[in-house]
């Protein structure tokens, strides 16, 4: 009986570890500066903007945002059609202080925080995700509006003659 209990406890711990490990979205060892340069080059080639989500694996709202962006079909399409998406780590292991300094200290808005860069790597906008929340999650209309209003075509002067 003790053996069965030990096996069950070990199996449960392994299962929970796999769930937690499966949520590792941010890579503290990543070279954020290099990753951003690569994303900008790809955005320029594809005629897109870069959308950076800064946060960490320690942040439940960061995980929620990642899942929301990739789990809502219309949001995912808007994201993929208009942006090169990148997640930049902020954690005790790697705060990416120099990168965030270059991006205008977006951490002042809390986490996660979103940044929109143009195809040249210029920061166009910093978005507090608190403004995109509703109840215990993210609001579809607010997230959609944010992504729609910062897409490359939204900044086309021809639309505003």
C-alpha atoms as a PDB file:
ATOM      1  CA  UNK A   1       0.000   0.000   0.000  1.00  0.00           C
ATOM      2  CA  UNK A   2       2.842   2.377   0.863  1.00  0.00           C
ATOM      3  CA  UNK A   3       4.437   1.668  -2.502  1.00  0.00           C
ATOM      4  CA  UNK A   4       1.223   2.562  -4.342  1.00  0.00           C
ATOM      5  CA  UNK A   5       0.926   5.818  -2.376  1.00  0.00           C
ATOM      6  CA  UNK A   6       4.543   6.686  -3.122  1.00  0.00           C
ATOM      7  CA  UNK A   7       4.028   5.975  -6.820  1.00  0.00           C
ATOM      8  CA  UNK A   8       0.870   8.115  -6.851  1.00  0.00           C
ATOM      9  CA  UNK A   9       2.613  11.005  -5.058  1.00  0.00           C
ATOM     10  CA  UNK A  10       5.625  10.763  -7.366  1.00  0.00           C
ATOM     11  CA  UNK A  11       3.353  10.670 -10.432  1.00  0.00           C
ATOM     12  CA  UNK A  12       1.412  13.686  -9.209  1.00  0.00           C
ATOM     13  CA  UNK A  13       4.623  15.628  -8.562  1.00  0.00           C
ATOM     14  CA  UNK A  14       5.934  14.735 -12.016  1.00  0.00           C
ATOM     15  CA  UNK A  15       2.628  15.804 -13.589  1.00  0.00           C
ATOM     16  CA  UNK A  16       2.641  19.159 -11.740  1.00  0.00           C
ATOM     17  CA  UNK A  17       6.301  19.737 -12.629  1.00  0.00           C
ATOM     18  CA  UNK A  18       5.497  19.167 -16.301  1.00  0.00           C
ATOM     19  CA  UNK A  19       2.653  21.691 -16.112  1.00  0.00           C
ATOM     20  CA  UNK A  20       4.887  24.310 -14.507  1.00  0.00           C
ATOM     21  CA  UNK A  21       7.775  23.595 -16.882  1.00  0.00           C
ATOM     22  CA  UNK A  22       5.378  23.807 -19.814  1.00  0.00           C
ATOM     23  CA  UNK A  23       4.632  27.411 -18.851  1.00  0.00           C
ATOM     24  CA  UNK A  24       8.235  28.564 -19.324  1.00  0.00           C
ATOM     25  CA  UNK A  25       7.610  31.251 -21.903  1.00  0.00           C
ATOM     26  CA  UNK A  26      10.446  33.638 -21.119  1.00  0.00           C
ATOM     27  CA  UNK A  27      14.087  32.660 -21.501  1.00  0.00           C
ATOM     28  CA  UNK A  28      16.340  34.437 -18.969  1.00  0.00           C
ATOM     29  CA  UNK A  29      19.416  33.335 -20.963  1.00  0.00           C
ATOM     30  CA  UNK A  30      18.191  34.837 -24.241  1.00  0.00           C
ATOM     31  CA  UNK A  31      20.142  37.695 -25.792  1.00  0.00           C
ATOM     32  CA  UNK A  32      17.281  40.208 -25.910  1.00  0.00           C
ATOM     33  CA  UNK A  33      19.265  42.813 -27.850  1.00  0.00           C
ATOM     34  CA  UNK A  34      20.111  40.290 -30.573  1.00  0.00           C
ATOM     35  CA  UNK A  35      16.553  38.917 -30.608  1.00  0.00           C
ATOM     36  CA  UNK A  36      15.123  42.429 -31.057  1.00  0.00           C
ATOM     37  CA  UNK A  37      17.537  43.203 -33.909  1.00  0.00           C
ATOM     38  CA  UNK A  38      16.509  39.962 -35.631  1.00  0.00           C
ATOM     39  CA  UNK A  39      12.809  40.730 -35.099  1.00  0.00           C
ATOM     40  CA  UNK A  40      13.268  44.235 -36.554  1.00  0.00           C
ATOM     41  CA  UNK A  41      15.073  42.842 -39.607  1.00  0.00           C
ATOM     42  CA  UNK A  42      12.275  40.312 -40.137  1.00  0.00           C
ATOM     43  CA  UNK A  43       9.609  43.008 -39.648  1.00  0.00           C
ATOM     44  CA  UNK A  44      11.299  45.211 -42.245  1.00  0.00           C
ATOM     45  CA  UNK A  45      11.416  42.339 -44.718  1.00  0.00           C
ATOM     46  CA  UNK A  46       7.757  41.414 -44.110  1.00  0.00           C
ATOM     47  CA  UNK A  47       6.318  44.951 -43.808  1.00  0.00           C
ATOM     48  CA  UNK A  48       5.290  44.474 -40.185  1.00  0.00           C
ATOM     49  CA  UNK A  49       5.844  46.050 -36.800  1.00  0.00           C
ATOM     50  CA  UNK A  50       7.525  44.337 -33.860  1.00  0.00           C
ATOM     51  CA  UNK A  51       5.417  43.643 -30.785  1.00  0.00           C
ATOM     52  CA  UNK A  52       7.454  42.984 -27.654  1.00  0.00           C
ATOM     53  CA  UNK A  53       5.918  41.597 -24.499  1.00  0.00           C
ATOM     54  CA  UNK A  54       8.174  42.168 -21.490  1.00  0.00           C
ATOM     55  CA  UNK A  55       7.575  39.970 -18.487  1.00  0.00           C
ATOM     56  CA  UNK A  56       8.685  36.827 -16.757  1.00  0.00           C
ATOM     57  CA  UNK A  57       7.761  33.267 -15.958  1.00  0.00           C
ATOM     58  CA  UNK A  58       7.099  34.410 -12.383  1.00  0.00           C
ATOM     59  CA  UNK A  59       4.224  36.641 -13.560  1.00  0.00           C
ATOM     60  CA  UNK A  60       0.765  35.034 -13.873  1.00  0.00           C
ATOM     61  CA  UNK A  61      -0.576  37.962 -15.956  1.00  0.00           C
ATOM     62  CA  UNK A  62       2.366  37.545 -18.362  1.00  0.00           C
ATOM     63  CA  UNK A  63       1.461  33.894 -18.864  1.00  0.00           C
ATOM     64  CA  UNK A  64      -2.205  34.856 -19.291  1.00  0.00           C
ATOM     65  CA  UNK A  65      -1.327  37.432 -21.955  1.00  0.00           C
ATOM     66  CA  UNK A  66       0.823  34.951 -23.864  1.00  0.00           C
ATOM     67  CA  UNK A  67      -1.976  32.394 -23.835  1.00  0.00           C
ATOM     68  CA  UNK A  68      -4.570  35.025 -24.768  1.00  0.00           C
ATOM     69  CA  UNK A  69      -2.601  36.302 -27.753  1.00  0.00           C
ATOM     70  CA  UNK A  70      -2.124  32.766 -29.036  1.00  0.00           C
ATOM     71  CA  UNK A  71      -5.489  31.340 -27.990  1.00  0.00           C
ATOM     72  CA  UNK A  72      -8.055  33.756 -29.416  1.00  0.00           C
ATOM     73  CA  UNK A  73      -8.331  33.052 -33.146  1.00  0.00           C
ATOM     74  CA  UNK A  74      -9.105  36.618 -34.274  1.00  0.00           C
ATOM     75  CA  UNK A  75      -6.447  38.109 -31.981  1.00  0.00           C
ATOM     76  CA  UNK A  76      -3.852  35.572 -33.149  1.00  0.00           C
ATOM     77  CA  UNK A  77      -4.598  36.383 -36.794  1.00  0.00           C
ATOM     78  CA  UNK A  78      -4.299  40.132 -36.168  1.00  0.00           C
ATOM     79  CA  UNK A  79      -1.023  39.507 -34.340  1.00  0.00           C
ATOM     80  CA  UNK A  80       0.459  37.236 -37.010  1.00  0.00           C
ATOM     81  CA  UNK A  81      -0.666  39.405 -39.938  1.00  0.00           C
ATOM     82  CA  UNK A  82       0.825  42.616 -38.560  1.00  0.00           C
ATOM     83  CA  UNK A  83       3.585  41.912 -36.069  1.00  0.00           C
ATOM     84  CA  UNK A  84       6.735  39.980 -35.399  1.00  0.00           C
ATOM     85  CA  UNK A  85       6.100  38.925 -31.805  1.00  0.00           C
ATOM     86  CA  UNK A  86       8.862  38.640 -29.229  1.00  0.00           C
ATOM     87  CA  UNK A  87       8.884  38.047 -25.494  1.00  0.00           C
ATOM     88  CA  UNK A  88      11.669  39.688 -23.509  1.00  0.00           C
ATOM     89  CA  UNK A  89      12.516  38.372 -20.062  1.00  0.00           C
ATOM     90  CA  UNK A  90      12.510  40.409 -16.869  1.00  0.00           C
ATOM     91  CA  UNK A  91      13.389  38.353 -13.807  1.00  0.00           C
ATOM     92  CA  UNK A  92      15.861  38.180 -10.957  1.00  0.00           C
ATOM     93  CA  UNK A  93      18.057  36.023 -13.238  1.00  0.00           C
ATOM     94  CA  UNK A  94      18.110  38.640 -15.997  1.00  0.00           C
ATOM     95  CA  UNK A  95      16.427  42.027 -15.826  1.00  0.00           C
ATOM     96  CA  UNK A  96      17.677  43.068 -19.286  1.00  0.00           C
ATOM     97  CA  UNK A  97      18.392  46.509 -17.826  1.00  0.00           C
ATOM     98  CA  UNK A  98      20.296  47.876 -20.843  1.00  0.00           C
ATOM     99  CA  UNK A  99      17.672  46.704 -23.331  1.00  0.00           C
ATOM    100  CA  UNK A 100      14.847  48.160 -21.252  1.00  0.00           C
ATOM    101  CA  UNK A 101      16.778  51.405 -20.878  1.00  0.00           C
ATOM    102  CA  UNK A 102      17.026  51.600 -24.676  1.00  0.00           C
ATOM    103  CA  UNK A 103      13.261  50.983 -24.866  1.00  0.00           C
ATOM    104  CA  UNK A 104      12.412  53.857 -22.513  1.00  0.00           C
ATOM    105  CA  UNK A 105      12.088  51.942 -19.222  1.00  0.00           C
ATOM    106  CA  UNK A 106       8.775  50.205 -19.967  1.00  0.00           C
ATOM    107  CA  UNK A 107       8.922  48.319 -16.660  1.00  0.00           C
ATOM    108  CA  UNK A 108       7.537  51.447 -15.031  1.00  0.00           C
ATOM    109  CA  UNK A 109       4.097  50.262 -16.199  1.00  0.00           C
ATOM    110  CA  UNK A 110       4.359  46.878 -14.474  1.00  0.00           C
ATOM    111  CA  UNK A 111       4.229  43.477 -16.123  1.00  0.00           C
ATOM    112  CA  UNK A 112       3.495  42.390 -18.677  1.00  0.00           C
ATOM    113  CA  UNK A 113       4.109  45.501 -20.710  1.00  0.00           C
ATOM    114  CA  UNK A 114       3.867  45.693 -24.495  1.00  0.00           C
ATOM    115  CA  UNK A 115       5.999  47.734 -26.877  1.00  0.00           C
ATOM    116  CA  UNK A 116       5.426  48.413 -30.536  1.00  0.00           C
ATOM    117  CA  UNK A 117       8.483  49.064 -32.702  1.00  0.00           C
ATOM    118  CA  UNK A 118       8.388  50.072 -36.343  1.00  0.00           C
ATOM    119  CA  UNK A 119      10.364  48.288 -39.063  1.00  0.00           C
ATOM    120  CA  UNK A 120      13.371  50.481 -38.256  1.00  0.00           C
ATOM    121  CA  UNK A 121      13.351  49.541 -34.579  1.00  0.00           C
ATOM    122  CA  UNK A 122      11.957  52.866 -33.365  1.00  0.00           C
ATOM    123  CA  UNK A 123       9.646  52.623 -30.371  1.00  0.00           C
ATOM    124  CA  UNK A 124       6.202  53.799 -31.411  1.00  0.00           C
ATOM    125  CA  UNK A 125       4.209  52.945 -28.323  1.00  0.00           C
ATOM    126  CA  UNK A 126       4.401  51.458 -24.836  1.00  0.00           C
ATOM    127  CA  UNK A 127       1.198  49.822 -23.620  1.00  0.00           C
ATOM    128  CA  UNK A 128       0.319  49.088 -20.021  1.00  0.00           C
ATOM    129  CA  UNK A 129      -1.593  45.824 -20.131  1.00  0.00           C
ATOM    130  CA  UNK A 130      -3.590  46.847 -17.077  1.00  0.00           C
ATOM    131  CA  UNK A 131      -5.650  48.906 -19.541  1.00  0.00           C
ATOM    132  CA  UNK A 132      -6.408  45.722 -21.485  1.00  0.00           C
ATOM    133  CA  UNK A 133      -7.757  43.755 -18.525  1.00  0.00           C
ATOM    134  CA  UNK A 134     -11.309  42.935 -17.616  1.00  0.00           C
ATOM    135  CA  UNK A 135     -12.225  41.047 -14.469  1.00  0.00           C
ATOM    136  CA  UNK A 136      -9.687  38.207 -14.115  1.00  0.00           C
ATOM    137  CA  UNK A 137      -8.518  38.162 -17.729  1.00  0.00           C
ATOM    138  CA  UNK A 138      -8.033  40.265 -20.830  1.00  0.00           C
ATOM    139  CA  UNK A 139     -10.793  42.075 -22.701  1.00  0.00           C
ATOM    140  CA  UNK A 140     -11.227  40.982 -26.324  1.00  0.00           C
ATOM    141  CA  UNK A 141     -12.257  44.422 -27.632  1.00  0.00           C
ATOM    142  CA  UNK A 142      -9.459  46.265 -25.825  1.00  0.00           C
ATOM    143  CA  UNK A 143      -6.741  43.856 -26.974  1.00  0.00           C
ATOM    144  CA  UNK A 144      -8.120  43.851 -30.515  1.00  0.00           C
ATOM    145  CA  UNK A 145      -8.247  47.661 -30.563  1.00  0.00           C
ATOM    146  CA  UNK A 146      -4.666  47.926 -29.312  1.00  0.00           C
ATOM    147  CA  UNK A 147      -3.347  45.520 -31.948  1.00  0.00           C
ATOM    148  CA  UNK A 148      -5.482  47.051 -34.708  1.00  0.00           C
ATOM    149  CA  UNK A 149      -4.546  50.660 -33.940  1.00  0.00           C
ATOM    150  CA  UNK A 150      -0.783  50.021 -33.887  1.00  0.00           C
ATOM    151  CA  UNK A 151      -0.550  47.797 -36.986  1.00  0.00           C
ATOM    152  CA  UNK A 152       1.617  49.227 -39.798  1.00  0.00           C
ATOM    153  CA  UNK A 153      -1.326  50.184 -42.026  1.00  0.00           C
ATOM    154  CA  UNK A 154      -2.922  52.189 -39.209  1.00  0.00           C
ATOM    155  CA  UNK A 155      -0.007  54.625 -39.482  1.00  0.00           C
ATOM    156  CA  UNK A 156      -0.404  55.115 -43.232  1.00  0.00           C
ATOM    157  CA  UNK A 157      -0.825  58.886 -43.830  1.00  0.00           C
ATOM    158  CA  UNK A 158      -3.053  58.194 -46.846  1.00  0.00           C
ATOM    159  CA  UNK A 159      -5.840  57.119 -44.459  1.00  0.00           C
ATOM    160  CA  UNK A 160      -5.938  60.578 -42.908  1.00  0.00           C
ATOM    161  CA  UNK A 161      -6.173  62.961 -45.879  1.00  0.00           C
END
